[in-house]
Protein backbone atom coordinates (compact mmCIF):
# COMPACT_ATOMS: atom_id res chain seq x y z
CA MET A 1 114.67 -0.23 -26.38
CA ASN A 2 113.67 -0.91 -30.02
CA SER A 3 112.93 -4.30 -29.20
CA ILE A 4 110.48 -3.19 -26.38
CA LEU A 5 108.75 -0.75 -28.67
CA GLN A 6 108.42 -3.51 -31.30
CA SER A 7 106.91 -5.84 -28.60
CA LEU A 8 104.36 -3.24 -27.44
CA LEU A 9 103.33 -2.26 -31.05
CA LEU A 10 102.79 -6.17 -31.75
CA LEU A 11 100.64 -6.57 -28.51
CA ALA A 12 98.50 -3.50 -29.60
CA ALA A 13 97.96 -4.84 -33.00
CA SER A 14 97.02 -8.18 -31.81
CA ALA A 15 94.53 -6.64 -29.45
CA ALA A 16 93.02 -4.61 -32.07
CA THR A 17 92.78 -7.68 -34.39
CA THR A 18 91.08 -9.61 -31.65
CA THR A 19 88.60 -6.74 -31.03
CA SER A 20 87.84 -6.31 -34.71
CA LEU A 21 87.08 -10.04 -34.99
CA ALA A 22 84.92 -10.11 -31.91
CA LEU A 23 82.61 -7.34 -33.03
CA PRO A 24 81.20 -9.01 -36.07
CA SER A 25 80.33 -12.07 -33.98
CA GLN A 26 78.41 -9.97 -31.49
CA GLN A 27 76.49 -8.17 -34.42
CA GLN A 28 75.71 -11.68 -35.86
CA GLN A 29 74.32 -12.82 -32.62
CA GLN A 30 72.15 -9.78 -32.18
CA GLN A 31 70.95 -10.26 -35.82
CA GLN A 32 70.08 -13.78 -35.01
CA GLN A 33 68.24 -12.94 -32.03
CA GLN A 34 66.16 -10.28 -33.90
CA GLN A 35 65.50 -12.91 -36.51
CA GLN A 36 64.22 -15.39 -33.95
CA ARG A 37 61.84 -12.91 -32.50
CA SER A 38 60.44 -11.87 -35.75
CA LEU A 39 59.75 -15.60 -36.60
CA SER A 40 58.24 -16.28 -33.07
CA PRO A 41 54.43 -16.84 -33.26
CA LEU A 42 54.09 -14.83 -29.99
CA SER A 43 55.78 -11.60 -31.59
CA PRO A 44 53.29 -8.64 -31.88
CA LEU A 45 52.08 -7.62 -35.26
CA PRO A 46 53.00 -4.00 -36.20
CA LEU A 47 50.51 -1.47 -35.54
CA ASN A 48 49.44 1.51 -37.69
CA HIS A 49 48.85 4.67 -35.84
CA TYR A 50 46.83 7.68 -37.40
CA SER A 51 46.72 11.05 -35.95
CA GLU A 52 43.32 11.43 -37.79
CA PRO A 53 41.37 8.39 -38.44
CA SER A 54 39.47 8.10 -41.66
CA LEU A 55 35.57 8.52 -41.38
CA LEU A 56 33.94 5.93 -43.53
CA TRP A 57 30.43 6.91 -42.78
CA ASN A 58 28.18 8.70 -40.26
CA GLN A 59 24.51 7.62 -39.69
CA ALA A 60 21.94 8.66 -37.21
CA VAL A 61 19.53 6.10 -35.77
CA ARG A 62 15.84 6.25 -34.85
CA SER A 63 16.71 6.96 -31.18
CA ALA A 64 19.74 7.62 -29.03
CA PRO A 65 21.73 4.95 -27.21
CA ALA A 66 22.72 5.26 -23.69
CA ASN A 67 25.05 3.63 -21.30
CA GLY A 68 24.66 -0.22 -21.59
CA ASN A 69 23.49 -0.15 -25.23
CA VAL A 70 25.45 -1.89 -27.99
CA VAL A 71 26.59 -1.26 -31.61
CA GLN A 72 27.08 -4.71 -32.85
CA ILE A 73 27.90 -6.35 -36.26
CA SER A 74 26.20 -9.67 -36.79
CA PRO A 75 28.51 -12.76 -36.73
CA ASP A 76 27.99 -13.23 -40.61
CA ASP A 77 28.72 -9.50 -41.29
CA ARG A 78 25.23 -8.97 -42.62
CA TRP A 79 23.95 -6.16 -40.75
CA LEU A 80 24.88 -3.65 -38.01
CA TYR A 81 22.39 -3.42 -35.05
CA VAL A 82 22.05 -0.77 -32.54
CA THR A 83 19.97 -0.84 -29.26
CA SER A 84 18.66 2.32 -27.92
CA ALA A 85 17.53 3.59 -24.42
CA ASP A 86 13.89 3.44 -25.36
CA GLY A 87 14.07 -0.29 -26.52
CA THR A 88 14.38 0.35 -30.30
CA LEU A 89 16.50 -1.99 -32.39
CA SER A 90 17.99 -0.49 -35.42
CA LYS A 91 19.47 -2.11 -38.40
CA LEU A 92 22.07 -0.48 -40.55
CA ASP A 93 24.26 -1.56 -43.60
CA PRO A 94 27.83 -1.98 -42.08
CA ALA A 95 29.37 -1.31 -45.51
CA THR A 96 27.63 2.00 -46.21
CA GLY A 97 26.08 3.00 -42.95
CA GLY A 98 22.79 3.11 -44.59
CA TYR A 99 19.67 2.89 -42.49
CA VAL A 100 17.71 -0.18 -43.13
CA GLY A 101 15.00 -0.53 -40.55
CA ALA A 102 14.04 -0.92 -36.93
CA HIS A 103 11.88 -2.64 -34.35
CA VAL A 104 10.07 -0.30 -31.90
CA PRO A 105 8.39 -2.25 -29.08
CA GLU A 106 5.01 -1.07 -28.21
CA ARG A 107 4.03 0.36 -24.87
CA ARG A 108 2.20 -2.13 -22.59
CA ASN A 109 -0.44 0.32 -21.56
CA ASP A 110 -0.98 4.19 -21.39
CA GLY A 111 1.58 5.61 -18.91
CA TRP A 112 4.02 2.83 -19.25
CA VAL A 113 7.67 3.55 -20.55
CA VAL A 114 9.71 1.06 -22.50
CA TYR A 115 13.33 1.16 -21.44
CA GLY A 116 16.41 -0.86 -22.54
CA ASN A 117 20.18 -0.87 -22.07
CA GLY A 118 21.20 -4.62 -22.87
CA GLY A 119 23.24 -6.30 -25.55
CA ILE A 120 22.27 -8.69 -28.37
CA SER A 121 22.95 -12.44 -28.81
CA PHE A 122 22.76 -14.11 -32.23
CA HIS A 123 21.97 -17.45 -33.54
CA VAL A 124 23.21 -17.68 -37.24
CA ALA A 125 21.77 -20.82 -38.94
CA ASN A 126 23.94 -22.75 -41.39
CA GLY A 127 23.07 -23.03 -45.02
CA GLU A 128 21.12 -26.44 -44.53
CA GLU A 129 19.08 -24.98 -41.73
CA GLU A 130 18.19 -21.91 -43.62
CA ASP A 131 17.09 -23.86 -46.63
CA ASP A 132 14.92 -26.19 -44.58
CA ALA A 133 13.30 -23.25 -42.63
CA ALA A 134 12.57 -21.40 -45.90
CA GLY A 135 11.28 -24.48 -47.94
CA GLY A 136 9.67 -26.30 -45.25
CA GLY A 137 12.13 -29.27 -45.43
CA ALA A 138 13.17 -31.54 -42.67
CA ALA A 139 13.76 -28.96 -40.05
CA ALA A 140 10.31 -27.34 -40.61
CA GLY A 141 8.40 -30.10 -38.89
CA ALA A 142 4.78 -30.70 -39.06
CA ASP A 143 3.62 -27.31 -37.44
CA GLY A 144 6.43 -25.16 -38.73
CA ALA A 145 7.79 -24.64 -35.09
CA ASP A 146 11.08 -26.05 -36.03
CA ALA A 147 11.36 -23.74 -38.91
CA ALA A 148 11.49 -20.75 -36.54
CA ALA A 149 14.23 -22.57 -34.60
CA ALA A 150 16.24 -23.18 -37.68
CA ALA A 151 16.18 -19.59 -39.03
CA SER A 152 18.93 -17.04 -38.15
CA TYR A 153 17.71 -14.64 -35.41
CA LEU A 154 18.87 -12.36 -32.68
CA VAL A 155 17.53 -11.74 -29.16
CA TYR A 156 17.51 -8.56 -27.00
CA TRP A 157 15.42 -7.33 -24.12
CA VAL A 158 13.52 -4.32 -22.92
CA ILE A 159 11.96 -3.26 -19.70
CA ASP A 160 8.36 -2.12 -19.17
CA VAL A 161 8.18 0.39 -16.41
CA PRO A 162 4.88 1.19 -14.99
CA PRO A 163 3.71 4.80 -14.14
CA SER A 164 5.07 6.20 -11.06
CA SER A 165 1.42 6.97 -10.01
CA SER A 166 0.44 3.33 -10.11
CA SER A 167 0.39 1.26 -6.91
CA GLY A 168 1.05 -2.54 -6.79
CA LEU A 169 2.65 -2.58 -10.24
CA SER A 170 6.13 -3.60 -10.75
CA ALA A 171 8.42 -3.60 -13.76
CA LEU A 172 8.17 -6.37 -16.30
CA SER A 173 10.91 -7.61 -18.85
CA ARG A 174 10.45 -8.69 -22.35
CA VAL A 175 12.93 -11.02 -24.24
CA ILE A 176 12.35 -10.29 -27.97
CA ALA A 177 13.61 -12.53 -30.87
CA VAL A 178 13.95 -10.89 -34.26
CA ARG A 179 14.47 -12.67 -37.41
CA HIS A 180 18.08 -11.94 -39.02
CA ASP A 181 18.02 -12.31 -42.75
CA ASP A 182 18.64 -10.60 -45.96
CA SER A 183 15.38 -8.41 -45.79
CA ARG A 184 15.49 -4.69 -46.18
CA GLU A 185 11.99 -4.23 -44.92
CA LYS A 186 11.77 -1.15 -42.68
CA GLU A 187 9.82 -3.05 -39.91
CA MET A 188 11.74 -6.06 -38.81
CA GLU A 189 10.13 -9.34 -38.26
CA VAL A 190 9.49 -10.37 -34.59
CA LEU A 191 9.48 -14.19 -34.11
CA TRP A 192 8.38 -14.27 -30.53
CA THR A 193 8.25 -12.28 -27.20
CA LYS A 194 8.54 -13.61 -23.73
CA THR A 195 7.35 -11.58 -20.67
CA LEU A 196 9.23 -11.95 -17.36
CA HIS A 197 8.70 -10.60 -13.98
CA GLY A 198 11.36 -8.24 -12.69
CA SER A 199 14.21 -6.30 -14.45
CA ILE A 200 16.77 -8.14 -16.69
CA GLN A 201 20.33 -7.06 -16.75
CA GLY A 202 23.31 -7.80 -19.01
CA THR A 203 23.00 -9.64 -22.37
CA PRO A 204 20.83 -12.80 -23.13
CA VAL A 205 22.61 -16.01 -23.61
CA ILE A 206 21.61 -18.51 -26.24
CA GLY A 207 22.17 -22.01 -25.42
CA TYR A 208 21.13 -25.30 -27.04
CA VAL A 209 18.91 -28.17 -25.96
CA GLU A 210 19.75 -31.20 -27.88
CA GLN A 211 16.32 -32.82 -28.15
CA ARG A 212 14.35 -29.68 -28.83
CA GLY A 213 16.71 -27.11 -30.50
CA ALA A 214 18.01 -23.59 -29.69
CA SER A 215 16.92 -22.10 -26.35
CA VAL A 216 17.10 -18.55 -24.86
CA ALA A 217 17.63 -18.07 -21.09
CA GLY A 218 15.68 -21.45 -20.49
CA PHE A 219 12.82 -20.58 -22.82
CA GLU A 220 12.99 -22.71 -25.89
CA MET A 221 12.67 -20.89 -29.14
CA MET A 222 10.29 -23.39 -30.64
CA TYR A 223 7.63 -23.05 -27.87
CA PRO A 224 8.06 -19.44 -26.41
């Protein structure tokens, strides 16, 4: 009887020893898997969640945006631009929210209404292009047309809506190119305006024509 009890105790002790040895191995495997996940380039970065986000600034613009308008920082982080429903383009300082200036498209004729609900596209010139454009260098060309193409600029659009009482008149669209630079002038410089028949939708796309320079929606910037 004693020998049987001793055998049972030995078996129990052996099973406990085996179990105690197996647990650290499983924990190590789990730790290794967690380390591998943390080192994986596809692992998500930790997110910070705030119950009350911090307000950095709050700034009114010249006219109210509507559905389809944008609030957009330029690719070089210089300015924050806002398009509004009446076609106004406002420029703010993204660091402070300070109001810098605006471009307000003029009405085509009495009774016409200016309307806009599109986005903005940017062409940000590199350092050499901006130096040439400002100093009349190689990019400026003989007549200065290339200088405009070399400068940094943005494009957006507005729609000119005729009065409801008019007959035979249809809406016209304007693509507007505005200089994008360090200027703090209240009135932004318009480089060119192109009038199109019909109503534009969406955001203009800036392409590039190798022989002639930057172009917008098929209309070359140098020769609008």
